[in-house]
Amino acid sequence: MEKRDVNISFYKAGNGGISNRITLPKKWVEKIGITPENRAVEIVLDEENNSIVIKKK
């Protein structure tokens, strides 16, 4: 298992709302088979463990 510390970016949208993004290491995305053509993922909020899990569909 690899670990990296990253920051979440916050953006103010034109309608006044705020959205956020996180950048994933390219190597990790490639390792699980995500490509520009096959980029569907499932994200799961695990409140019990205070974590977000990303899985390739």
N, C-alpha and C. Protein backbone atom coordinates (compact mmCIF):
# COMPACT_ATOMS: atom_id res chain seq x y z
N MET A 1 0.85 -1.18 0.00
CA MET A 1 0.00 0.00 0.00
C MET A 1 0.90 1.24 0.00
N GLU A 2 0.55 2.20 -0.83
CA GLU A 2 1.27 3.47 -0.89
C GLU A 2 0.43 4.55 -0.21
N LYS A 3 1.11 5.55 0.32
CA LYS A 3 0.42 6.65 0.99
C LYS A 3 1.03 7.96 0.52
N ARG A 4 0.18 8.95 0.27
CA ARG A 4 0.64 10.30 -0.07
C ARG A 4 -0.25 11.31 0.63
N ASP A 5 0.34 12.39 1.04
CA ASP A 5 -0.42 13.51 1.59
C ASP A 5 -0.68 14.50 0.47
N VAL A 6 -1.93 14.85 0.27
CA VAL A 6 -2.31 15.81 -0.77
C VAL A 6 -3.29 16.82 -0.18
N ASN A 7 -3.50 17.91 -0.89
CA ASN A 7 -4.47 18.92 -0.48
C ASN A 7 -5.68 18.85 -1.39
N ILE A 8 -6.82 19.21 -0.85
CA ILE A 8 -8.04 19.31 -1.63
C ILE A 8 -8.18 20.77 -2.07
N SER A 9 -8.45 20.98 -3.36
CA SER A 9 -8.63 22.33 -3.90
C SER A 9 -10.09 22.72 -3.81
N PHE A 10 -10.35 23.96 -3.42
CA PHE A 10 -11.71 24.48 -3.35
C PHE A 10 -11.85 25.58 -4.39
N TYR A 11 -12.95 25.55 -5.15
CA TYR A 11 -13.21 26.50 -6.21
C TYR A 11 -14.56 27.16 -6.00
N LYS A 12 -14.61 28.46 -6.23
CA LYS A 12 -15.88 29.17 -6.15
C LYS A 12 -16.50 29.17 -7.54
N ALA A 13 -17.69 28.62 -7.65
CA ALA A 13 -18.39 28.54 -8.93
C ALA A 13 -19.04 29.89 -9.26
N GLY A 14 -19.45 30.04 -10.50
CA GLY A 14 -20.07 31.28 -10.94
C GLY A 14 -21.36 31.61 -10.21
N ASN A 15 -22.07 30.60 -9.74
CA ASN A 15 -23.33 30.84 -9.04
C ASN A 15 -23.14 31.06 -7.54
N GLY A 16 -21.88 31.16 -7.09
CA GLY A 16 -21.59 31.42 -5.69
C GLY A 16 -21.36 30.18 -4.85
N GLY A 17 -21.62 29.00 -5.40
CA GLY A 17 -21.38 27.76 -4.67
C GLY A 17 -19.90 27.41 -4.66
N ILE A 18 -19.53 26.52 -3.80
CA ILE A 18 -18.14 26.07 -3.71
C ILE A 18 -18.07 24.59 -4.05
N SER A 19 -17.14 24.24 -4.92
CA SER A 19 -16.91 22.83 -5.23
C SER A 19 -15.46 22.51 -4.90
N ASN A 20 -15.13 21.24 -4.87
CA ASN A 20 -13.76 20.85 -4.54
C ASN A 20 -13.28 19.74 -5.44
N ARG A 21 -11.96 19.59 -5.50
CA ARG A 21 -11.33 18.56 -6.32
C ARG A 21 -10.09 18.05 -5.60
N ILE A 22 -9.75 16.83 -5.94
CA ILE A 22 -8.51 16.25 -5.43
C ILE A 22 -7.78 15.63 -6.62
N THR A 23 -6.49 15.82 -6.67
CA THR A 23 -5.69 15.26 -7.74
C THR A 23 -5.10 13.93 -7.28
N LEU A 24 -5.32 12.89 -8.08
CA LEU A 24 -4.80 11.57 -7.77
C LEU A 24 -3.50 11.36 -8.53
N PRO A 25 -2.52 10.70 -7.93
CA PRO A 25 -1.28 10.41 -8.64
C PRO A 25 -1.56 9.59 -9.91
N LYS A 26 -0.99 10.01 -11.02
CA LYS A 26 -1.21 9.34 -12.31
C LYS A 26 -0.86 7.87 -12.25
N LYS A 27 0.22 7.55 -11.56
CA LYS A 27 0.66 6.16 -11.44
C LYS A 27 -0.42 5.29 -10.79
N TRP A 28 -1.08 5.81 -9.78
CA TRP A 28 -2.14 5.06 -9.09
C TRP A 28 -3.33 4.83 -10.01
N VAL A 29 -3.72 5.87 -10.74
CA VAL A 29 -4.85 5.77 -11.66
C VAL A 29 -4.56 4.72 -12.74
N GLU A 30 -3.35 4.74 -13.26
CA GLU A 30 -2.96 3.76 -14.27
C GLU A 30 -2.95 2.34 -13.70
N LYS A 31 -2.48 2.19 -12.46
CA LYS A 31 -2.39 0.85 -11.85
C LYS A 31 -3.75 0.18 -11.71
N ILE A 32 -4.81 0.94 -11.51
CA ILE A 32 -6.13 0.31 -11.37
C ILE A 32 -6.91 0.33 -12.68
N GLY A 33 -6.27 0.74 -13.77
CA GLY A 33 -6.86 0.60 -15.09
C GLY A 33 -7.80 1.71 -15.53
N ILE A 34 -7.68 2.88 -14.93
CA ILE A 34 -8.51 4.00 -15.35
C ILE A 34 -7.81 4.71 -16.50
N THR A 35 -8.56 4.92 -17.59
CA THR A 35 -8.03 5.59 -18.78
C THR A 35 -9.01 6.69 -19.19
N PRO A 36 -8.60 7.58 -20.10
CA PRO A 36 -9.56 8.60 -20.57
C PRO A 36 -10.81 7.98 -21.21
N GLU A 37 -10.66 6.79 -21.80
CA GLU A 37 -11.80 6.12 -22.43
C GLU A 37 -12.63 5.31 -21.43
N ASN A 38 -12.01 4.86 -20.35
CA ASN A 38 -12.66 4.01 -19.34
C ASN A 38 -12.42 4.64 -17.97
N ARG A 39 -13.19 5.68 -17.66
CA ARG A 39 -12.90 6.47 -16.46
C ARG A 39 -13.99 6.42 -15.39
N ALA A 40 -14.95 5.52 -15.54
CA ALA A 40 -16.03 5.41 -14.56
C ALA A 40 -15.50 4.84 -13.25
N VAL A 41 -15.82 5.51 -12.15
CA VAL A 41 -15.42 5.04 -10.83
C VAL A 41 -16.62 5.14 -9.89
N GLU A 42 -16.51 4.45 -8.78
CA GLU A 42 -17.51 4.53 -7.72
C GLU A 42 -16.79 5.10 -6.50
N ILE A 43 -17.41 6.09 -5.85
CA ILE A 43 -16.82 6.62 -4.62
C ILE A 43 -17.76 6.30 -3.46
N VAL A 44 -17.16 5.93 -2.34
CA VAL A 44 -17.93 5.53 -1.17
C VAL A 44 -17.46 6.34 0.03
N LEU A 45 -18.39 6.97 0.73
CA LEU A 45 -18.07 7.68 1.96
C LEU A 45 -18.25 6.71 3.11
N ASP A 46 -17.17 6.40 3.79
CA ASP A 46 -17.20 5.51 4.95
C ASP A 46 -17.09 6.37 6.21
N GLU A 47 -18.24 6.78 6.73
CA GLU A 47 -18.26 7.67 7.89
C GLU A 47 -17.71 6.99 9.14
N GLU A 48 -17.88 5.69 9.24
CA GLU A 48 -17.39 4.96 10.40
C GLU A 48 -15.86 5.04 10.51
N ASN A 49 -15.18 4.93 9.36
CA ASN A 49 -13.72 4.99 9.35
C ASN A 49 -13.19 6.35 8.90
N ASN A 50 -14.09 7.31 8.70
CA ASN A 50 -13.71 8.66 8.28
C ASN A 50 -12.84 8.63 7.03
N SER A 51 -13.33 7.93 5.98
CA SER A 51 -12.53 7.80 4.76
C SER A 51 -13.43 7.81 3.53
N ILE A 52 -12.80 8.07 2.39
CA ILE A 52 -13.46 8.02 1.09
C ILE A 52 -12.73 6.96 0.28
N VAL A 53 -13.48 6.02 -0.29
CA VAL A 53 -12.90 4.93 -1.06
C VAL A 53 -13.27 5.13 -2.53
N ILE A 54 -12.29 4.99 -3.43
CA ILE A 54 -12.51 5.12 -4.86
C ILE A 54 -12.28 3.75 -5.49
N LYS A 55 -13.28 3.24 -6.24
CA LYS A 55 -13.16 1.94 -6.89
C LYS A 55 -13.47 2.08 -8.37
N LYS A 56 -12.71 1.38 -9.20
CA LYS A 56 -12.99 1.36 -10.64
C LYS A 56 -14.25 0.53 -10.86
N LYS A 57 -15.12 1.00 -11.75
CA LYS A 57 -16.35 0.25 -12.08
C LYS A 57 -16.07 -0.77 -13.14
